[in-house]
Amino acid sequence: MTRSGDENKASPASFALTRHFAESYASKTGTYFCSVPTVTTAVLEGLALHREKYGAMLCPCRYYEDPQAEVAAAYWNCPCVPMRERKECHCLLFLPPDHPFAGTSQTVETIDLQYES
């Protein structure tokens, strides 16, 4: 059975914008994507979905009581404050080259998140 859940998938256009942002940001900051492509794809999907739902790429790896208040505060909008200030990405999206999970690419290798069960 294939997972449906279109409500949990961003539009292809939103995903493409988010992917372009991520590749540009990685190049600009000298960071790399996770060596596990499914991690990168899942984080990008979450960012793109939040862009559609809330108007900003709110970090998808955190729980928010009030997502709109968090968007307005801008602390967890990607790139979040810890990433901008210390290159610490909780989502493992942007990793410094010496991070144990850093890959060697600044280009996203996407993986289809649909799966059989």
Protein backbone atom coordinates (compact mmCIF):
# COMPACT_ATOMS: atom_id res chain seq x y z
CA MET A 1 0.00 0.00 0.00
CA THR A 2 1.41 3.38 -0.95
CA ARG A 3 1.36 6.15 1.61
CA SER A 4 -1.07 8.81 0.43
CA GLY A 5 -0.96 11.95 2.50
CA ASP A 6 -0.93 14.70 -0.08
CA GLU A 7 -1.70 16.96 2.89
CA ASN A 8 1.84 16.18 4.04
CA LYS A 9 3.48 16.90 0.69
CA ALA A 10 4.42 20.31 -0.61
CA SER A 11 3.67 21.24 -4.19
CA PRO A 12 6.43 20.50 -6.69
CA ALA A 13 6.92 24.25 -7.25
CA SER A 14 7.35 24.94 -3.53
CA PHE A 15 9.73 22.01 -3.17
CA ALA A 16 11.79 23.28 -6.13
CA LEU A 17 12.03 26.78 -4.60
CA THR A 18 13.11 25.31 -1.27
CA ARG A 19 15.67 23.08 -2.95
CA HIS A 20 17.10 26.04 -4.87
CA PHE A 21 17.32 28.07 -1.64
CA ALA A 22 19.10 25.19 0.14
CA GLU A 23 21.65 24.66 -2.62
CA SER A 24 22.40 28.39 -2.81
CA TYR A 25 22.70 28.70 0.97
CA ALA A 26 24.98 25.65 1.25
CA SER A 27 27.25 27.06 -1.44
CA LYS A 28 27.30 30.52 0.15
CA THR A 29 28.06 29.22 3.66
CA GLY A 30 30.47 26.38 2.82
CA THR A 31 28.14 23.80 4.32
CA TYR A 32 27.13 20.40 2.94
CA PHE A 33 24.02 18.26 2.91
CA CYS A 34 23.65 15.18 5.07
CA SER A 35 25.31 12.04 3.72
CA VAL A 36 21.93 10.32 4.03
CA PRO A 37 19.83 11.70 1.13
CA THR A 38 16.50 10.77 2.74
CA VAL A 39 17.29 13.12 5.64
CA THR A 40 17.89 16.03 3.28
CA THR A 41 14.77 15.27 1.24
CA ALA A 42 12.56 14.97 4.33
CA VAL A 43 13.81 18.28 5.76
CA LEU A 44 13.32 20.07 2.43
CA GLU A 45 9.82 18.62 2.15
CA GLY A 46 9.00 19.89 5.66
CA LEU A 47 10.42 23.34 4.92
CA ALA A 48 8.47 23.57 1.66
CA LEU A 49 5.26 22.46 3.36
CA HIS A 50 5.72 25.05 6.10
CA ARG A 51 6.36 27.70 3.44
CA GLU A 52 2.96 26.84 1.98
CA LYS A 53 1.09 26.56 5.30
CA TYR A 54 2.65 29.43 7.25
CA GLY A 55 4.34 31.66 4.69
CA ALA A 56 7.84 30.94 5.98
CA MET A 57 10.23 28.00 6.07
CA LEU A 58 9.74 27.23 9.74
CA CYS A 59 12.07 24.47 10.96
CA PRO A 60 10.22 21.18 10.45
CA CYS A 61 12.20 19.33 13.12
CA ARG A 62 10.57 21.07 16.07
CA TYR A 63 7.12 21.12 17.65
CA TYR A 64 5.32 24.48 17.92
CA GLU A 65 2.29 25.26 20.06
CA ASP A 66 1.61 28.27 17.82
CA PRO A 67 3.40 28.02 14.46
CA GLN A 68 2.26 31.48 13.32
CA ALA A 69 3.75 33.08 16.45
CA GLU A 70 7.01 31.22 15.80
CA VAL A 71 7.05 32.45 12.19
CA ALA A 72 6.57 36.02 13.43
CA ALA A 73 9.39 35.61 15.96
CA ALA A 74 11.64 34.39 13.08
CA TYR A 75 14.01 32.50 15.40
CA TRP A 76 13.29 29.08 13.84
CA ASN A 77 12.72 30.31 10.26
CA CYS A 78 15.29 28.63 8.03
CA PRO A 79 18.09 29.40 8.24
CA CYS A 80 17.43 29.59 11.97
CA VAL A 81 19.37 31.75 14.40
CA PRO A 82 21.64 28.88 15.58
CA MET A 83 22.53 28.16 11.95
CA ARG A 84 23.18 31.80 11.07
CA GLU A 85 25.21 32.47 14.20
CA ARG A 86 27.07 29.19 14.84
CA LYS A 87 26.46 26.92 11.82
CA GLU A 88 24.45 24.57 14.04
CA CYS A 89 21.63 22.98 12.05
CA HIS A 90 19.36 20.87 14.26
CA CYS A 91 17.80 19.33 11.11
CA LEU A 92 21.12 18.11 9.67
CA LEU A 93 20.40 20.04 6.48
CA PHE A 94 23.41 22.39 6.48
CA LEU A 95 26.48 20.74 7.94
CA PRO A 96 30.08 21.96 8.20
CA PRO A 97 32.53 19.70 6.34
CA ASP A 98 33.92 18.24 9.58
CA HIS A 99 30.50 17.11 10.88
CA PRO A 100 30.27 13.29 11.12
CA PHE A 101 27.10 13.21 8.97
CA ALA A 102 28.24 15.74 6.36
CA GLY A 103 28.22 14.54 2.80
CA THR A 104 30.42 15.95 0.08
CA SER A 105 27.74 17.64 -2.00
CA GLN A 106 26.13 21.05 -2.09
CA THR A 107 23.63 19.73 -4.61
CA VAL A 108 20.51 17.98 -3.38
CA GLU A 109 20.02 14.36 -4.34
CA THR A 110 16.30 13.96 -3.76
CA ILE A 111 14.67 10.72 -2.78
CA ASP A 112 10.98 9.97 -3.32
CA LEU A 113 9.51 9.77 0.17
CA GLN A 114 6.64 7.54 -0.95
CA TYR A 115 7.08 4.05 0.42
CA GLU A 116 5.41 0.69 0.36
CA SER A 117 4.09 -0.88 3.54
